[in-house]
Amino acid sequence: MTEAWFSKPVRIAIGVFGDERNVSSARQALQVLDTRWPDAGAPKYREARHSCQRAVNGDDDAEHARDHFVAAARQARVLVE
């Protein structure tokens, strides 16, 4: 398994207090998706989780995973733009 680094971090605000953090890799994205995601189960969440897992396993490109993670973050309204 690999870290699958993104070319540019994705800034999200998540949690009760809207803590902002940079997500820099598919592995970090998976951790957030699995533990702190407010909209788990939504279609974009499922796509992002699947794509990030594939990137960590070396079966998909990290940028493809990043695109899915950004879409999920936008849908969950946690993306900081």
PDB file of N, CA and C in Angstrom:
ATOM      1  N   MET A   1       0.836  -1.178   0.000  1.00  0.00           N
ATOM      2  CA  MET A   1       0.000   0.000   0.000  1.00  0.00           C
ATOM      3  C   MET A   1       0.884   1.245   0.000  1.00  0.00           C
ATOM      4  N   THR A   2       0.364   2.282  -0.595  1.00  0.00           N
ATOM      5  CA  THR A   2       1.114   3.517  -0.769  1.00  0.00           C
ATOM      6  C   THR A   2       0.344   4.700  -0.175  1.00  0.00           C
ATOM      7  N   GLU A   3       1.008   5.804  -0.023  1.00  0.00           N
ATOM      8  CA  GLU A   3       0.359   7.011   0.501  1.00  0.00           C
ATOM      9  C   GLU A   3      -0.520   7.660  -0.571  1.00  0.00           C
ATOM     10  N   ALA A   4      -0.095   7.574  -1.843  1.00  0.00           N
ATOM     11  CA  ALA A   4      -0.815   8.172  -2.979  1.00  0.00           C
ATOM     12  C   ALA A   4      -1.002   9.675  -2.766  1.00  0.00           C
ATOM     13  N   TRP A   5       0.107  10.411  -2.814  1.00  0.00           N
ATOM     14  CA  TRP A   5       0.113  11.857  -2.561  1.00  0.00           C
ATOM     15  C   TRP A   5      -0.630  12.619  -3.639  1.00  0.00           C
ATOM     16  N   PHE A   6      -1.396  13.614  -3.229  1.00  0.00           N
ATOM     17  CA  PHE A   6      -2.074  14.525  -4.148  1.00  0.00           C
ATOM     18  C   PHE A   6      -1.085  15.594  -4.602  1.00  0.00           C
ATOM     19  N   SER A   7      -1.295  16.145  -5.796  1.00  0.00           N
ATOM     20  CA  SER A   7      -0.420  17.215  -6.289  1.00  0.00           C
ATOM     21  C   SER A   7      -0.641  18.503  -5.502  1.00  0.00           C
ATOM     22  N   LYS A   8      -1.840  18.671  -4.962  1.00  0.00           N
ATOM     23  CA  LYS A   8      -2.183  19.852  -4.172  1.00  0.00           C
ATOM     24  C   LYS A   8      -3.119  19.396  -3.053  1.00  0.00           C
ATOM     25  N   PRO A   9      -2.868  19.819  -1.807  1.00  0.00           N
ATOM     26  CA  PRO A   9      -3.755  19.419  -0.707  1.00  0.00           C
ATOM     27  C   PRO A   9      -5.184  19.918  -0.903  1.00  0.00           C
ATOM     28  N   VAL A  10      -6.117  19.205  -0.310  1.00  0.00           N
ATOM     29  CA  VAL A  10      -7.522  19.589  -0.318  1.00  0.00           C
ATOM     30  C   VAL A  10      -7.846  20.101   1.078  1.00  0.00           C
ATOM     31  N   ARG A  11      -8.314  21.340   1.171  1.00  0.00           N
ATOM     32  CA  ARG A  11      -8.636  21.952   2.467  1.00  0.00           C
ATOM     33  C   ARG A  11     -10.101  21.690   2.793  1.00  0.00           C
ATOM     34  N   ILE A  12     -10.335  21.111   3.969  1.00  0.00           N
ATOM     35  CA  ILE A  12     -11.698  20.832   4.411  1.00  0.00           C
ATOM     36  C   ILE A  12     -11.900  21.386   5.823  1.00  0.00           C
ATOM     37  N   ALA A  13     -13.140  21.656   6.153  1.00  0.00           N
ATOM     38  CA  ALA A  13     -13.533  22.069   7.503  1.00  0.00           C
ATOM     39  C   ALA A  13     -14.526  21.028   7.989  1.00  0.00           C
ATOM     40  N   ILE A  14     -14.147  20.313   9.039  1.00  0.00           N
ATOM     41  CA  ILE A  14     -14.941  19.165   9.474  1.00  0.00           C
ATOM     42  C   ILE A  14     -14.982  19.091  10.994  1.00  0.00           C
ATOM     43  N   GLY A  15     -16.030  18.497  11.507  1.00  0.00           N
ATOM     44  CA  GLY A  15     -16.156  18.339  12.949  1.00  0.00           C
ATOM     45  C   GLY A  15     -17.122  19.352  13.539  1.00  0.00           C
ATOM     46  N   VAL A  16     -17.360  19.233  14.816  1.00  0.00           N
ATOM     47  CA  VAL A  16     -18.314  20.083  15.528  1.00  0.00           C
ATOM     48  C   VAL A  16     -17.954  21.560  15.410  1.00  0.00           C
ATOM     49  N   PHE A  17     -16.671  21.850  15.494  1.00  0.00           N
ATOM     50  CA  PHE A  17     -16.219  23.242  15.463  1.00  0.00           C
ATOM     51  C   PHE A  17     -15.709  23.671  14.090  1.00  0.00           C
ATOM     52  N   GLY A  18     -15.853  22.817  13.080  1.00  0.00           N
ATOM     53  CA  GLY A  18     -15.404  23.162  11.741  1.00  0.00           C
ATOM     54  C   GLY A  18     -13.895  23.283  11.643  1.00  0.00           C
ATOM     55  N   ASP A  19     -13.196  22.379  12.335  1.00  0.00           N
ATOM     56  CA  ASP A  19     -11.732  22.390  12.295  1.00  0.00           C
ATOM     57  C   ASP A  19     -11.247  22.236  10.857  1.00  0.00           C
ATOM     58  N   GLU A  20     -10.396  23.148  10.424  1.00  0.00           N
ATOM     59  CA  GLU A  20      -9.851  23.078   9.071  1.00  0.00           C
ATOM     60  C   GLU A  20      -8.586  22.247   9.063  1.00  0.00           C
ATOM     61  N   ARG A  21      -8.444  21.466   7.990  1.00  0.00           N
ATOM     62  CA  ARG A  21      -7.237  20.666   7.827  1.00  0.00           C
ATOM     63  C   ARG A  21      -6.970  20.445   6.351  1.00  0.00           C
ATOM     64  N   ASN A  22      -5.707  20.221   6.033  1.00  0.00           N
ATOM     65  CA  ASN A  22      -5.304  19.897   4.671  1.00  0.00           C
ATOM     66  C   ASN A  22      -5.195  18.387   4.546  1.00  0.00           C
ATOM     67  N   VAL A  23      -5.799  17.850   3.515  1.00  0.00           N
ATOM     68  CA  VAL A  23      -5.705  16.421   3.209  1.00  0.00           C
ATOM     69  C   VAL A  23      -4.789  16.319   1.998  1.00  0.00           C
ATOM     70  N   SER A  24      -3.639  15.663   2.183  1.00  0.00           N
ATOM     71  CA  SER A  24      -2.589  15.676   1.169  1.00  0.00           C
ATOM     72  C   SER A  24      -2.410  14.375   0.410  1.00  0.00           C
ATOM     73  N   SER A  25      -3.150  13.340   0.785  1.00  0.00           N
ATOM     74  CA  SER A  25      -2.968  12.050   0.113  1.00  0.00           C
ATOM     75  C   SER A  25      -4.251  11.235   0.177  1.00  0.00           C
ATOM     76  N   ALA A  26      -4.309  10.207  -0.648  1.00  0.00           N
ATOM     77  CA  ALA A  26      -5.466   9.313  -0.639  1.00  0.00           C
ATOM     78  C   ALA A  26      -5.562   8.574   0.687  1.00  0.00           C
ATOM     79  N   ARG A  27      -4.444   8.233   1.284  1.00  0.00           N
ATOM     80  CA  ARG A  27      -4.475   7.555   2.586  1.00  0.00           C
ATOM     81  C   ARG A  27      -5.093   8.464   3.658  1.00  0.00           C
ATOM     82  N   GLN A  28      -4.696   9.750   3.676  1.00  0.00           N
ATOM     83  CA  GLN A  28      -5.274  10.703   4.621  1.00  0.00           C
ATOM     84  C   GLN A  28      -6.763  10.891   4.343  1.00  0.00           C
ATOM     85  N   ALA A  29      -7.127  10.946   3.069  1.00  0.00           N
ATOM     86  CA  ALA A  29      -8.531  11.092   2.697  1.00  0.00           C
ATOM     87  C   ALA A  29      -9.341   9.904   3.205  1.00  0.00           C
ATOM     88  N   LEU A  30      -8.805   8.700   3.059  1.00  0.00           N
ATOM     89  CA  LEU A  30      -9.497   7.512   3.562  1.00  0.00           C
ATOM     90  C   LEU A  30      -9.732   7.594   5.060  1.00  0.00           C
ATOM     91  N   GLN A  31      -8.726   8.060   5.777  1.00  0.00           N
ATOM     92  CA  GLN A  31      -8.858   8.168   7.229  1.00  0.00           C
ATOM     93  C   GLN A  31     -10.005   9.124   7.592  1.00  0.00           C
ATOM     94  N   VAL A  32     -10.060  10.261   6.919  1.00  0.00           N
ATOM     95  CA  VAL A  32     -11.120  11.236   7.185  1.00  0.00           C
ATOM     96  C   VAL A  32     -12.481  10.663   6.769  1.00  0.00           C
ATOM     97  N   LEU A  33     -12.528  10.043   5.608  1.00  0.00           N
ATOM     98  CA  LEU A  33     -13.777   9.467   5.132  1.00  0.00           C
ATOM     99  C   LEU A  33     -14.300   8.390   6.085  1.00  0.00           C
ATOM    100  N   ASP A  34     -13.396   7.613   6.648  1.00  0.00           N
ATOM    101  CA  ASP A  34     -13.792   6.507   7.521  1.00  0.00           C
ATOM    102  C   ASP A  34     -14.111   6.926   8.952  1.00  0.00           C
ATOM    103  N   THR A  35     -13.577   8.058   9.392  1.00  0.00           N
ATOM    104  CA  THR A  35     -13.724   8.388  10.817  1.00  0.00           C
ATOM    105  C   THR A  35     -14.500   9.665  11.114  1.00  0.00           C
ATOM    106  N   ARG A  36     -14.495  10.640  10.211  1.00  0.00           N
ATOM    107  CA  ARG A  36     -15.072  11.946  10.564  1.00  0.00           C
ATOM    108  C   ARG A  36     -16.016  12.516   9.515  1.00  0.00           C
ATOM    109  N   TRP A  37     -16.403  11.720   8.536  1.00  0.00           N
ATOM    110  CA  TRP A  37     -17.174  12.268   7.423  1.00  0.00           C
ATOM    111  C   TRP A  37     -18.626  12.495   7.825  1.00  0.00           C
ATOM    112  N   PRO A  38     -19.164  13.696   7.581  1.00  0.00           N
ATOM    113  CA  PRO A  38     -20.537  14.006   8.005  1.00  0.00           C
ATOM    114  C   PRO A  38     -21.621  13.409   7.109  1.00  0.00           C
ATOM    115  N   ASP A  39     -21.259  13.023   5.907  1.00  0.00           N
ATOM    116  CA  ASP A  39     -22.242  12.593   4.920  1.00  0.00           C
ATOM    117  C   ASP A  39     -21.930  11.177   4.429  1.00  0.00           C
ATOM    118  N   ALA A  40     -21.485  10.309   5.334  1.00  0.00           N
ATOM    119  CA  ALA A  40     -21.120   8.941   4.958  1.00  0.00           C
ATOM    120  C   ALA A  40     -22.326   8.236   4.353  1.00  0.00           C
ATOM    121  N   GLY A  41     -22.100   7.581   3.248  1.00  0.00           N
ATOM    122  CA  GLY A  41     -23.162   6.865   2.565  1.00  0.00           C
ATOM    123  C   GLY A  41     -23.703   7.587   1.347  1.00  0.00           C
ATOM    124  N   ALA A  42     -23.406   8.868   1.211  1.00  0.00           N
ATOM    125  CA  ALA A  42     -23.844   9.621   0.032  1.00  0.00           C
ATOM    126  C   ALA A  42     -23.112   9.089  -1.209  1.00  0.00           C
ATOM    127  N   PRO A  43     -23.701   9.247  -2.385  1.00  0.00           N
ATOM    128  CA  PRO A  43     -23.075   8.721  -3.604  1.00  0.00           C
ATOM    129  C   PRO A  43     -21.639   9.199  -3.828  1.00  0.00           C
ATOM    130  N   LYS A  44     -21.388  10.485  -3.654  1.00  0.00           N
ATOM    131  CA  LYS A  44     -20.029  11.013  -3.871  1.00  0.00           C
ATOM    132  C   LYS A  44     -19.066  10.479  -2.809  1.00  0.00           C
ATOM    133  N   TYR A  45     -19.555  10.276  -1.594  1.00  0.00           N
ATOM    134  CA  TYR A  45     -18.736   9.670  -0.534  1.00  0.00           C
ATOM    135  C   TYR A  45     -18.280   8.275  -0.964  1.00  0.00           C
ATOM    136  N   ARG A  46     -19.214   7.473  -1.446  1.00  0.00           N
ATOM    137  CA  ARG A  46     -18.879   6.098  -1.850  1.00  0.00           C
ATOM    138  C   ARG A  46     -17.869   6.097  -2.992  1.00  0.00           C
ATOM    139  N   GLU A  47     -18.063   6.984  -3.957  1.00  0.00           N
ATOM    140  CA  GLU A  47     -17.123   7.081  -5.082  1.00  0.00           C
ATOM    141  C   GLU A  47     -15.738   7.487  -4.591  1.00  0.00           C
ATOM    142  N   ALA A  48     -15.688   8.474  -3.709  1.00  0.00           N
ATOM    143  CA  ALA A  48     -14.398   8.950  -3.187  1.00  0.00           C
ATOM    144  C   ALA A  48     -13.701   7.858  -2.395  1.00  0.00           C
ATOM    145  N   ARG A  49     -14.442   7.160  -1.553  1.00  0.00           N
ATOM    146  CA  ARG A  49     -13.841   6.114  -0.737  1.00  0.00           C
ATOM    147  C   ARG A  49     -13.277   5.000  -1.613  1.00  0.00           C
ATOM    148  N   HIS A  50     -14.040   4.599  -2.609  1.00  0.00           N
ATOM    149  CA  HIS A  50     -13.592   3.542  -3.526  1.00  0.00           C
ATOM    150  C   HIS A  50     -12.346   3.988  -4.299  1.00  0.00           C
ATOM    151  N   SER A  51     -12.376   5.204  -4.823  1.00  0.00           N
ATOM    152  CA  SER A  51     -11.252   5.715  -5.608  1.00  0.00           C
ATOM    153  C   SER A  51      -9.993   5.882  -4.749  1.00  0.00           C
ATOM    154  N   CYS A  52     -10.146   6.390  -3.531  1.00  0.00           N
ATOM    155  CA  CYS A  52      -8.997   6.555  -2.634  1.00  0.00           C
ATOM    156  C   CYS A  52      -8.409   5.199  -2.251  1.00  0.00           C
ATOM    157  N   GLN A  53      -9.264   4.218  -1.996  1.00  0.00           N
ATOM    158  CA  GLN A  53      -8.772   2.878  -1.664  1.00  0.00           C
ATOM    159  C   GLN A  53      -7.996   2.291  -2.830  1.00  0.00           C
ATOM    160  N   ARG A  54      -8.496   2.474  -4.044  1.00  0.00           N
ATOM    161  CA  ARG A  54      -7.789   1.986  -5.235  1.00  0.00           C
ATOM    162  C   ARG A  54      -6.436   2.683  -5.391  1.00  0.00           C
ATOM    163  N   ALA A  55      -6.379   3.990  -5.118  1.00  0.00           N
ATOM    164  CA  ALA A  55      -5.111   4.723  -5.228  1.00  0.00           C
ATOM    165  C   ALA A  55      -4.108   4.228  -4.188  1.00  0.00           C
ATOM    166  N   VAL A  56      -4.558   4.007  -2.980  1.00  0.00           N
ATOM    167  CA  VAL A  56      -3.681   3.500  -1.918  1.00  0.00           C
ATOM    168  C   VAL A  56      -3.165   2.109  -2.278  1.00  0.00           C
ATOM    169  N   ASN A  57      -3.996   1.309  -2.926  1.00  0.00           N
ATOM    170  CA  ASN A  57      -3.591  -0.039  -3.342  1.00  0.00           C
ATOM    171  C   ASN A  57      -2.724  -0.033  -4.595  1.00  0.00           C
ATOM    172  N   GLY A  58      -2.580   1.129  -5.222  1.00  0.00           N
ATOM    173  CA  GLY A  58      -1.772   1.232  -6.432  1.00  0.00           C
ATOM    174  C   GLY A  58      -2.531   0.894  -7.702  1.00  0.00           C
ATOM    175  N   ASP A  59      -3.864   0.807  -7.602  1.00  0.00           N
ATOM    176  CA  ASP A  59      -4.686   0.440  -8.752  1.00  0.00           C
ATOM    177  C   ASP A  59      -5.309   1.632  -9.460  1.00  0.00           C
ATOM    178  N   ASP A  60      -5.098   2.835  -8.941  1.00  0.00           N
ATOM    179  CA  ASP A  60      -5.664   4.047  -9.538  1.00  0.00           C
ATOM    180  C   ASP A  60      -4.717   5.205  -9.267  1.00  0.00           C
ATOM    181  N   ASP A  61      -4.901   6.253 -10.025  1.00  0.00           N
ATOM    182  CA  ASP A  61      -4.071   7.452  -9.929  1.00  0.00           C
ATOM    183  C   ASP A  61      -4.502   8.314  -8.740  1.00  0.00           C
ATOM    184  N   ALA A  62      -3.545   8.894  -8.035  1.00  0.00           N
ATOM    185  CA  ALA A  62      -3.838   9.742  -6.878  1.00  0.00           C
ATOM    186  C   ALA A  62      -4.657  10.966  -7.274  1.00  0.00           C
ATOM    187  N   GLU A  63      -4.435  11.498  -8.457  1.00  0.00           N
ATOM    188  CA  GLU A  63      -5.191  12.686  -8.891  1.00  0.00           C
ATOM    189  C   GLU A  63      -6.651  12.341  -9.171  1.00  0.00           C
ATOM    190  N   HIS A  64      -6.881  11.160  -9.653  1.00  0.00           N
ATOM    191  CA  HIS A  64      -8.263  10.702  -9.861  1.00  0.00           C
ATOM    192  C   HIS A  64      -8.961  10.601  -8.507  1.00  0.00           C
ATOM    193  N   ALA A  65      -8.266  10.052  -7.520  1.00  0.00           N
ATOM    194  CA  ALA A  65      -8.805   9.955  -6.159  1.00  0.00           C
ATOM    195  C   ALA A  65      -9.052  11.350  -5.587  1.00  0.00           C
ATOM    196  N   ARG A  66      -8.129  12.277  -5.838  1.00  0.00           N
ATOM    197  CA  ARG A  66      -8.288  13.652  -5.354  1.00  0.00           C
ATOM    198  C   ARG A  66      -9.552  14.282  -5.925  1.00  0.00           C
ATOM    199  N   ASP A  67      -9.770  14.094  -7.229  1.00  0.00           N
ATOM    200  CA  ASP A  67     -10.968  14.650  -7.870  1.00  0.00           C
ATOM    201  C   ASP A  67     -12.243  14.126  -7.210  1.00  0.00           C
ATOM    202  N   HIS A  68     -12.269  12.837  -6.914  1.00  0.00           N
ATOM    203  CA  HIS A  68     -13.445  12.246  -6.262  1.00  0.00           C
ATOM    204  C   HIS A  68     -13.589  12.765  -4.828  1.00  0.00           C
ATOM    205  N   PHE A  69     -12.468  12.934  -4.142  1.00  0.00           N
ATOM    206  CA  PHE A  69     -12.520  13.449  -2.772  1.00  0.00           C
ATOM    207  C   PHE A  69     -13.038  14.883  -2.746  1.00  0.00           C
ATOM    208  N   VAL A  70     -12.591  15.702  -3.682  1.00  0.00           N
ATOM    209  CA  VAL A  70     -13.072  17.090  -3.782  1.00  0.00           C
ATOM    210  C   VAL A  70     -14.576  17.101  -4.044  1.00  0.00           C
ATOM    211  N   ALA A  71     -15.045  16.251  -4.940  1.00  0.00           N
ATOM    212  CA  ALA A  71     -16.481  16.189  -5.243  1.00  0.00           C
ATOM    213  C   ALA A  71     -17.278  15.782  -4.007  1.00  0.00           C
ATOM    214  N   ALA A  72     -16.771  14.815  -3.255  1.00  0.00           N
ATOM    215  CA  ALA A  72     -17.459  14.376  -2.036  1.00  0.00           C
ATOM    216  C   ALA A  72     -17.456  15.484  -0.987  1.00  0.00           C
ATOM    217  N   ALA A  73     -16.340  16.183  -0.865  1.00  0.00           N
ATOM    218  CA  ALA A  73     -16.241  17.280   0.104  1.00  0.00           C
ATOM    219  C   ALA A  73     -17.193  18.411  -0.268  1.00  0.00           C
ATOM    220  N   ARG A  74     -17.312  18.671  -1.539  1.00  0.00           N
ATOM    221  CA  ARG A  74     -18.240  19.711  -2.001  1.00  0.00           C
ATOM    222  C   ARG A  74     -19.683  19.288  -1.694  1.00  0.00           C
ATOM    223  N   GLN A  75     -20.032  18.022  -1.971  1.00  0.00           N
ATOM    224  CA  GLN A  75     -21.374  17.533  -1.698  1.00  0.00           C
ATOM    225  C   GLN A  75     -21.699  17.585  -0.199  1.00  0.00           C
ATOM    226  N   ALA A  76     -20.714  17.260   0.636  1.00  0.00           N
ATOM    227  CA  ALA A  76     -20.919  17.263   2.102  1.00  0.00           C
ATOM    228  C   ALA A  76     -20.793  18.662   2.684  1.00  0.00           C
ATOM    229  N   ARG A  77     -20.464  19.639   1.847  1.00  0.00           N
ATOM    230  CA  ARG A  77     -20.317  21.031   2.270  1.00  0.00           C
ATOM    231  C   ARG A  77     -19.210  21.212   3.310  1.00  0.00           C
ATOM    232  N   VAL A  78     -18.096  20.507   3.098  1.00  0.00           N
ATOM    233  CA  VAL A  78     -16.954  20.664   3.998  1.00  0.00           C
ATOM    234  C   VAL A  78     -15.718  21.193   3.253  1.00  0.00           C
ATOM    235  N   LEU A  79     -15.837  21.368   1.932  1.00  0.00           N
ATOM    236  CA  LEU A  79     -14.718  21.857   1.140  1.00  0.00           C
ATOM    237  C   LEU A  79     -14.500  23.341   1.419  1.00  0.00           C
ATOM    238  N   VAL A  80     -13.261  23.726   1.681  1.00  0.00           N
ATOM    239  CA  VAL A  80     -12.903  25.139   1.866  1.00  0.00           C
ATOM    240  C   VAL A  80     -12.324  25.601   0.539  1.00  0.00           C
ATOM    241  N   GLU A  81     -13.035  26.535  -0.116  1.00  0.00           N
ATOM    242  CA  GLU A  81     -12.585  27.013  -1.435  1.00  0.00           C
ATOM    243  C   GLU A  81     -12.093  28.435  -1.353  1.00  0.00           C
TER     244      GLU A  81
END
